[in-house]
Amino acid sequence: MTSTVDLLAYIPSPPQGVWYVGPVALRAYALFIILGIIVAIVWGDRRWVARGGEKGTVLDIAIWAVPFGLIGGRLYHVLTDWPAYFGENGTPLDALKVWQGGLGIWGAVFLGGIGAWIGCRRRGIPVSALGDAIAPGILLAQAIGRIGNYFNQELYGRETTVPWGLEIFERVNSSGQLDQLAGVSNGEVIRVVHPTFLYEAVWNVLIVILLVLVDRRFKIGHGRLFALYVAGYCLGRFVVELMRDDFAYEIAGIRVNTFTSGIVFFAALAYFFLAKKGREDPADLKSKNYVAAVSAGEAGAATPVTESDSAKTDAKAGAKADAKAAESDSPQSDSGEASASTAASDESSDAVKLSKKDKP
């Protein structure tokens, strides 16, 4: 008889993570990274507009932040896993193959933040306010990106017997050679592990909900919501790192990502409590081009009257005078003159009659 545990065990991995359309390789990891970026930009822009900013600002800043973030993420991954690329059996050129997976979030946030700062400086807007607007979208993008790790069969934890354990399959290429990244599953299960990528994705979604609720309730600004995002993510990542046993660079027997999570967590928490309270004035979120355009419009409205404007005013006054003159020549004026003439004629007749009476 099949038990409940048998029905739940286990979560299977996808049979493959790469599909070929002719010579073009469609990689699930890359597709989910792109999807996450789109979600972060669209949602972040809506949140920015709701806070008083201009529509399209987040996309303009993303042109700087995304390339910087990708480079930073890859650099962090390569530096923390340098033996895989520059060790005894490493392949240095593989360090450039971003599409094969391997982006460190810490490097992505750091260099991506520098790119965003450059973009904000060019537009004349505060980078801290932009960070608050895009924080939930960035974390949701990270959760979406973890689905790409699922297709790549990576970022999993230690072996387990829990009902939601993840099956890792052996994958081979068309020649029958082992290729865990780009190959296709042959159905053989190598091991059953904790799906730590799934734990992290679920944690990220929960923090996203928390960020939205906190922002609505307390109207957080000045970079404090972004700090709360960083602290919340670090807390979850610290726990996840303790569950992993794949190769990673270590310091004193502790994974470097564990150290990084702890240090960044306390730094973000300190910023959250020490930064200025409240939220920015919506007027401060307008770009310098927008402010310049508004100022130019107000100046135009207050421009002194020119000679041509004065001539137009004189012409209007002359037209009004002509209109009054025309009214004096109207039939009503003629009838008034006729009445006055008749009255004068009657007075003359009365005078003649009186003069006749006075004669002897």
Protein backbone atom coordinates (compact mmCIF):
# COMPACT_ATOMS: atom_id res chain seq x y z
CA MET A 1 0.00 0.00 0.00
CA THR A 2 1.34 3.46 -0.95
CA SER A 3 1.97 5.71 2.05
CA THR A 4 1.49 9.49 2.20
CA VAL A 5 5.27 9.91 2.28
CA ASP A 6 5.59 7.90 -0.93
CA LEU A 7 3.02 10.16 -2.60
CA LEU A 8 4.91 13.30 -1.58
CA ALA A 9 8.44 12.08 -2.27
CA TYR A 10 10.11 13.63 -4.13
CA ILE A 11 10.29 16.84 -6.14
CA PRO A 12 11.76 15.92 -9.51
CA SER A 13 14.24 18.19 -11.24
CA PRO A 14 13.50 19.31 -14.82
CA PRO A 15 14.90 16.87 -17.39
CA GLN A 16 16.90 19.69 -18.98
CA GLY A 17 17.63 23.38 -18.67
CA VAL A 18 18.65 24.17 -22.25
CA TRP A 19 16.66 23.84 -25.49
CA TYR A 20 18.00 24.37 -28.96
CA VAL A 21 16.17 26.12 -31.80
CA GLY A 22 18.56 25.45 -34.64
CA PRO A 23 21.93 26.83 -33.51
CA VAL A 24 20.31 29.08 -30.88
CA ALA A 25 20.36 27.85 -27.28
CA LEU A 26 17.41 28.85 -25.09
CA ARG A 27 18.58 28.67 -21.50
CA ALA A 28 15.99 28.62 -18.72
CA TYR A 29 18.39 30.38 -16.35
CA ALA A 30 18.83 33.35 -18.69
CA LEU A 31 15.12 33.53 -19.48
CA PHE A 32 14.13 33.73 -15.81
CA ILE A 33 16.81 36.34 -15.11
CA ILE A 34 15.42 38.46 -17.95
CA LEU A 35 11.85 37.94 -16.72
CA GLY A 36 12.87 39.03 -13.23
CA ILE A 37 14.51 42.20 -14.58
CA ILE A 38 11.36 43.09 -16.54
CA VAL A 39 9.15 42.57 -13.48
CA ALA A 40 11.45 44.71 -11.32
CA ILE A 41 11.48 47.56 -13.85
CA VAL A 42 7.73 47.60 -14.53
CA TRP A 43 6.68 47.31 -10.88
CA GLY A 44 9.43 49.65 -9.70
CA ASP A 45 8.35 52.33 -12.17
CA ARG A 46 4.74 52.14 -10.99
CA ARG A 47 5.85 52.50 -7.38
CA TRP A 48 8.10 55.42 -8.33
CA VAL A 49 5.23 57.25 -10.03
CA ALA A 50 2.97 56.59 -7.01
CA ARG A 51 5.58 58.28 -4.80
CA GLY A 52 5.60 61.38 -7.01
CA GLY A 53 8.29 60.58 -9.60
CA GLU A 54 8.11 60.68 -13.38
CA LYS A 55 7.02 57.72 -15.46
CA GLY A 56 9.87 55.96 -17.28
CA THR A 57 12.52 56.96 -14.73
CA VAL A 58 13.22 53.41 -13.52
CA LEU A 59 13.79 52.18 -17.07
CA ASP A 60 16.26 55.01 -17.69
CA ILE A 61 18.15 54.17 -14.50
CA ALA A 62 18.06 50.44 -15.33
CA ILE A 63 20.11 51.14 -18.46
CA TRP A 64 22.94 51.91 -16.04
CA ALA A 65 22.11 49.62 -13.13
CA VAL A 66 21.46 46.32 -14.97
CA PRO A 67 24.81 46.05 -16.82
CA PHE A 68 26.69 47.11 -13.69
CA GLY A 69 24.71 44.60 -11.64
CA LEU A 70 25.40 41.71 -14.02
CA ILE A 71 29.12 42.48 -14.05
CA GLY A 72 29.20 42.83 -10.27
CA GLY A 73 27.26 39.62 -9.74
CA ARG A 74 29.58 37.68 -11.99
CA LEU A 75 32.72 39.15 -10.43
CA TYR A 76 31.56 38.20 -6.95
CA HIS A 77 30.74 34.66 -8.05
CA VAL A 78 34.09 34.18 -9.78
CA LEU A 79 36.08 35.63 -6.86
CA THR A 80 34.32 33.46 -4.29
CA ASP A 81 34.60 30.32 -6.46
CA TRP A 82 37.94 31.16 -8.04
CA PRO A 83 39.40 27.59 -7.89
CA ALA A 84 36.69 26.44 -10.33
CA TYR A 85 38.01 28.92 -12.89
CA PHE A 86 41.64 29.55 -12.01
CA GLY A 87 42.50 26.46 -9.97
CA GLU A 88 44.54 23.44 -11.04
CA ASN A 89 41.83 22.05 -13.33
CA GLY A 90 39.94 25.31 -13.84
CA THR A 91 38.99 26.92 -17.13
CA PRO A 92 39.54 30.71 -16.98
CA LEU A 93 37.41 31.45 -20.04
CA ASP A 94 34.40 29.93 -18.30
CA ALA A 95 34.44 32.97 -16.02
CA LEU A 96 32.91 34.93 -18.92
CA LYS A 97 30.07 32.47 -19.53
CA VAL A 98 27.35 34.17 -17.51
CA TRP A 99 24.65 32.16 -19.29
CA GLN A 100 25.88 29.02 -17.54
CA GLY A 101 24.78 30.39 -14.18
CA GLY A 102 26.65 31.93 -11.31
CA LEU A 103 25.69 35.44 -10.20
CA GLY A 104 26.49 36.59 -6.67
CA ILE A 105 23.71 38.81 -5.35
CA TRP A 106 26.11 40.79 -3.17
CA GLY A 107 28.20 41.90 -6.11
CA ALA A 108 25.09 42.53 -8.19
CA VAL A 109 23.58 44.83 -5.56
CA PHE A 110 26.88 46.65 -4.93
CA LEU A 111 27.85 47.42 -8.52
CA GLY A 112 24.20 47.72 -9.57
CA GLY A 113 23.83 50.37 -6.88
CA ILE A 114 26.80 52.27 -8.31
CA GLY A 115 25.21 52.15 -11.76
CA ALA A 116 21.92 53.39 -10.31
CA TRP A 117 23.76 56.20 -8.51
CA ILE A 118 25.32 57.32 -11.79
CA GLY A 119 21.92 57.29 -13.51
CA CYS A 120 20.28 59.20 -10.65
CA ARG A 121 23.04 61.81 -10.65
CA ARG A 122 22.48 62.40 -14.35
CA ARG A 123 18.75 62.93 -13.78
CA GLY A 124 19.15 64.87 -10.54
CA ILE A 125 17.08 62.57 -8.32
CA PRO A 126 17.94 60.96 -4.94
CA VAL A 127 19.18 57.38 -5.31
CA SER A 128 17.91 56.50 -1.84
CA ALA A 129 14.32 57.30 -2.84
CA LEU A 130 14.68 55.25 -6.00
CA GLY A 131 15.99 52.34 -3.93
CA ASP A 132 12.87 52.41 -1.76
CA ALA A 133 10.65 52.33 -4.85
CA ILE A 134 12.38 49.38 -6.51
CA ALA A 135 13.26 47.30 -3.42
CA PRO A 136 10.21 44.97 -3.51
CA GLY A 137 10.61 44.48 -7.27
CA ILE A 138 14.29 43.58 -6.95
CA LEU A 139 13.59 40.95 -4.33
CA LEU A 140 10.74 39.50 -6.39
CA ALA A 141 13.13 39.36 -9.35
CA GLN A 142 15.55 37.37 -7.18
CA ALA A 143 12.78 34.89 -6.36
CA ILE A 144 12.02 34.50 -10.07
CA GLY A 145 15.70 34.01 -10.82
CA ARG A 146 15.85 31.10 -8.36
CA ILE A 147 13.56 29.17 -10.70
CA GLY A 148 16.43 29.30 -13.17
CA ASN A 149 18.62 27.60 -10.55
CA TYR A 150 16.01 24.83 -10.37
CA PHE A 151 16.38 24.17 -14.10
CA ASN A 152 20.16 24.22 -13.78
CA GLN A 153 20.09 21.74 -10.85
CA GLU A 154 22.20 24.07 -8.69
CA LEU A 155 22.15 25.87 -5.33
CA TYR A 156 20.69 22.87 -3.54
CA GLY A 157 21.43 21.73 0.01
CA ARG A 158 22.56 18.62 1.79
CA GLU A 159 21.06 15.18 1.20
CA THR A 160 17.74 14.60 2.95
CA THR A 161 14.81 12.23 3.32
CA VAL A 162 12.13 14.90 3.83
CA PRO A 163 9.05 14.40 1.60
CA TRP A 164 9.84 17.59 -0.34
CA GLY A 165 13.40 16.55 -1.10
CA LEU A 166 14.68 17.40 -4.58
CA GLU A 167 15.84 14.68 -6.98
CA ILE A 168 19.04 15.53 -8.83
CA PHE A 169 19.25 13.62 -12.10
CA GLU A 170 22.26 12.62 -14.11
CA ARG A 171 22.31 14.54 -17.39
CA VAL A 172 24.20 13.58 -20.53
CA ASN A 173 24.76 15.23 -23.90
CA SER A 174 24.02 13.80 -27.34
CA SER A 175 27.30 11.85 -27.21
CA GLY A 176 26.35 10.18 -23.94
CA GLN A 177 28.90 12.16 -21.95
CA LEU A 178 28.07 13.64 -18.55
CA ASP A 179 26.82 17.26 -18.89
CA GLN A 180 24.88 18.36 -15.84
CA LEU A 181 24.28 21.88 -17.17
CA ALA A 182 23.35 21.56 -20.83
CA GLY A 183 22.59 17.83 -21.03
CA VAL A 184 19.33 15.89 -20.82
CA SER A 185 18.33 13.64 -17.93
CA ASN A 186 18.79 9.90 -18.42
CA GLY A 187 16.40 9.18 -15.52
CA GLU A 188 19.08 8.14 -13.03
CA VAL A 189 18.77 9.90 -9.68
CA ILE A 190 22.17 10.89 -8.27
CA ARG A 191 20.95 12.16 -4.91
CA VAL A 192 17.97 13.64 -3.06
CA VAL A 193 18.70 17.03 -1.47
CA HIS A 194 17.14 20.01 0.29
CA PRO A 195 15.76 22.41 -2.38
CA THR A 196 17.47 25.43 -0.80
CA PHE A 197 16.82 27.53 -3.90
CA LEU A 198 13.10 26.97 -3.23
CA TYR A 199 13.46 27.89 0.44
CA GLU A 200 15.15 31.12 -0.57
CA ALA A 201 12.54 31.90 -3.23
CA VAL A 202 9.67 31.43 -0.77
CA TRP A 203 11.47 33.55 1.85
CA ASN A 204 11.99 36.29 -0.73
CA VAL A 205 8.28 36.40 -1.58
CA LEU A 206 7.39 36.66 2.11
CA ILE A 207 9.80 39.58 2.56
CA VAL A 208 8.33 41.24 -0.55
CA ILE A 209 4.88 41.13 1.06
CA LEU A 210 6.34 42.49 4.30
CA LEU A 211 8.03 45.39 2.48
CA VAL A 212 4.81 46.39 0.74
CA LEU A 213 2.79 46.29 3.96
CA VAL A 214 5.39 48.23 5.97
CA ASP A 215 5.71 50.85 3.23
CA ARG A 216 1.94 51.40 3.09
CA ARG A 217 1.58 51.59 6.86
CA PHE A 218 4.59 53.73 7.81
CA LYS A 219 5.39 55.68 4.59
CA ILE A 220 9.09 54.80 4.72
CA GLY A 221 11.61 56.80 2.72
CA HIS A 222 15.23 58.00 2.52
CA GLY A 223 16.52 54.51 1.68
CA ARG A 224 15.15 52.81 4.80
CA LEU A 225 12.86 50.44 2.87
CA PHE A 226 15.81 49.38 0.72
CA ALA A 227 17.80 48.73 3.90
CA LEU A 228 14.92 46.64 5.23
CA TYR A 229 14.95 44.61 2.00
CA VAL A 230 18.70 43.98 2.33
CA ALA A 231 18.39 42.99 6.00
CA GLY A 232 15.45 40.68 5.35
CA TYR A 233 17.17 38.95 2.45
CA CYS A 234 20.42 38.52 4.41
CA LEU A 235 18.60 36.88 7.28
CA GLY A 236 17.08 34.24 5.00
CA ARG A 237 20.29 33.77 3.04
CA PHE A 238 22.26 33.20 6.26
CA VAL A 239 20.03 30.24 7.17
CA VAL A 240 20.08 28.83 3.63
CA GLU A 241 23.88 28.94 3.50
CA LEU A 242 24.03 26.78 6.61
CA MET A 243 22.06 24.08 4.77
CA ARG A 244 24.27 23.89 1.69
CA ASP A 245 27.22 21.57 1.22
CA ASP A 246 28.26 22.28 -2.37
CA PHE A 247 31.73 23.65 -2.95
CA ALA A 248 32.25 27.27 -1.90
CA TYR A 249 35.18 29.40 -0.80
CA GLU A 250 35.53 29.32 3.01
CA ILE A 251 37.14 31.41 5.72
CA ALA A 252 38.03 29.53 8.90
CA GLY A 253 35.82 26.68 7.77
CA ILE A 254 32.79 28.93 7.25
CA ARG A 255 31.34 29.68 3.82
CA VAL A 256 32.18 33.22 2.69
CA ASN A 257 28.51 33.88 1.85
CA THR A 258 27.64 33.17 5.48
CA PHE A 259 30.10 35.84 6.60
CA THR A 260 28.81 38.27 4.02
CA SER A 261 25.18 37.69 4.99
CA GLY A 262 25.89 38.42 8.65
CA ILE A 263 27.98 41.55 8.04
CA VAL A 264 25.59 43.08 5.51
CA PHE A 265 22.59 42.25 7.73
CA PHE A 266 23.91 44.32 10.65
CA ALA A 267 25.03 47.15 8.35
CA ALA A 268 21.56 47.35 6.75
CA LEU A 269 19.86 47.19 10.13
CA ALA A 270 22.02 50.04 11.44
CA TYR A 271 21.13 52.20 8.43
CA PHE A 272 17.43 51.45 8.89
CA PHE A 273 17.43 52.79 12.46
CA LEU A 274 19.85 55.70 11.93
CA ALA A 275 18.58 57.12 8.63
CA LYS A 276 16.19 60.05 8.41
CA LYS A 277 12.57 59.16 9.17
CA GLY A 278 9.58 59.96 6.98
CA ARG A 279 9.43 60.12 3.19
CA GLU A 280 10.80 62.52 0.59
CA ASP A 281 8.74 65.43 -0.72
CA PRO A 282 7.30 64.36 -4.12
CA ALA A 283 8.75 67.55 -5.62
CA ASP A 284 12.26 66.26 -4.80
CA LEU A 285 11.68 63.20 -7.01
CA LYS A 286 11.32 65.21 -10.21
CA SER A 287 14.28 65.16 -12.58
CA LYS A 288 16.28 68.32 -13.21
CA ASN A 289 14.96 68.42 -16.79
CA TYR A 290 11.39 68.37 -15.51
CA VAL A 291 12.10 71.13 -13.00
CA ALA A 292 13.81 73.22 -15.69
CA ALA A 293 10.84 72.80 -18.03
CA VAL A 294 8.38 73.84 -15.32
CA SER A 295 10.52 76.85 -14.39
CA ALA A 296 10.70 77.91 -18.03
CA GLY A 297 6.93 77.65 -18.31
CA GLU A 298 6.37 79.81 -15.23
CA ALA A 299 8.83 82.40 -16.51
CA GLY A 300 6.98 82.54 -19.80
CA ALA A 301 3.72 83.18 -17.96
CA ALA A 302 5.27 86.16 -16.12
CA THR A 303 6.98 87.76 -19.18
CA PRO A 304 6.49 91.63 -19.36
CA VAL A 305 4.22 93.10 -22.06
CA THR A 306 6.10 93.80 -25.30
CA GLU A 307 5.59 96.63 -27.78
CA SER A 308 3.65 94.34 -30.08
CA ASP A 309 1.37 93.35 -27.20
CA SER A 310 0.88 97.09 -26.44
CA ALA A 311 -0.05 97.76 -30.05
CA LYS A 312 -2.60 94.95 -29.91
CA THR A 313 -4.08 96.47 -26.75
CA ASP A 314 -4.34 99.92 -28.44
CA ALA A 315 -6.04 98.33 -31.41
CA LYS A 316 -8.60 96.69 -29.16
CA ALA A 317 -9.26 100.02 -27.39
CA GLY A 318 -9.75 101.74 -30.77
CA ALA A 319 -12.18 99.05 -31.82
CA LYS A 320 -14.22 99.60 -28.68
CA ALA A 321 -14.33 103.37 -29.35
CA ASP A 322 -15.57 102.77 -32.90
CA ALA A 323 -18.24 100.47 -31.55
CA LYS A 324 -19.50 103.20 -29.22
CA ALA A 325 -19.55 105.70 -32.07
CA ALA A 326 -21.57 103.29 -34.14
CA GLU A 327 -24.08 102.98 -31.32
CA SER A 328 -24.59 106.78 -31.36
CA ASP A 329 -25.57 106.57 -35.02
CA SER A 330 -28.11 103.81 -34.44
CA PRO A 331 -31.93 104.21 -35.11
CA GLN A 332 -32.53 104.65 -31.39
CA SER A 333 -30.42 107.82 -31.46
CA ASP A 334 -32.32 109.12 -34.52
CA SER A 335 -35.69 108.65 -32.79
CA GLY A 336 -34.36 110.48 -29.75
CA GLU A 337 -33.31 113.42 -31.92
CA ALA A 338 -36.73 113.47 -33.65
CA SER A 339 -38.53 113.60 -30.28
CA ALA A 340 -36.36 116.48 -29.14
CA SER A 341 -37.10 118.37 -32.40
CA THR A 342 -40.87 117.86 -32.01
CA ALA A 343 -40.74 119.13 -28.43
CA ALA A 344 -38.90 122.24 -29.57
CA SER A 345 -41.50 122.87 -32.31
CA ASP A 346 -44.34 122.61 -29.76
CA GLU A 347 -42.65 125.12 -27.49
CA SER A 348 -42.39 127.58 -30.42
CA SER A 349 -46.14 127.23 -31.19
CA ASP A 350 -47.07 127.93 -27.58
CA ALA A 351 -44.92 131.02 -27.61
CA VAL A 352 -46.71 132.35 -30.76
CA LYS A 353 -50.13 131.80 -29.12
CA LEU A 354 -49.14 133.70 -26.01
CA SER A 355 -47.88 136.63 -28.05
CA LYS A 356 -51.24 136.91 -29.88
CA LYS A 357 -53.14 136.94 -26.57
CA ASP A 358 -51.14 139.87 -25.26
CA LYS A 359 -52.11 142.08 -28.25
CA PRO A 360 -54.96 144.74 -27.61
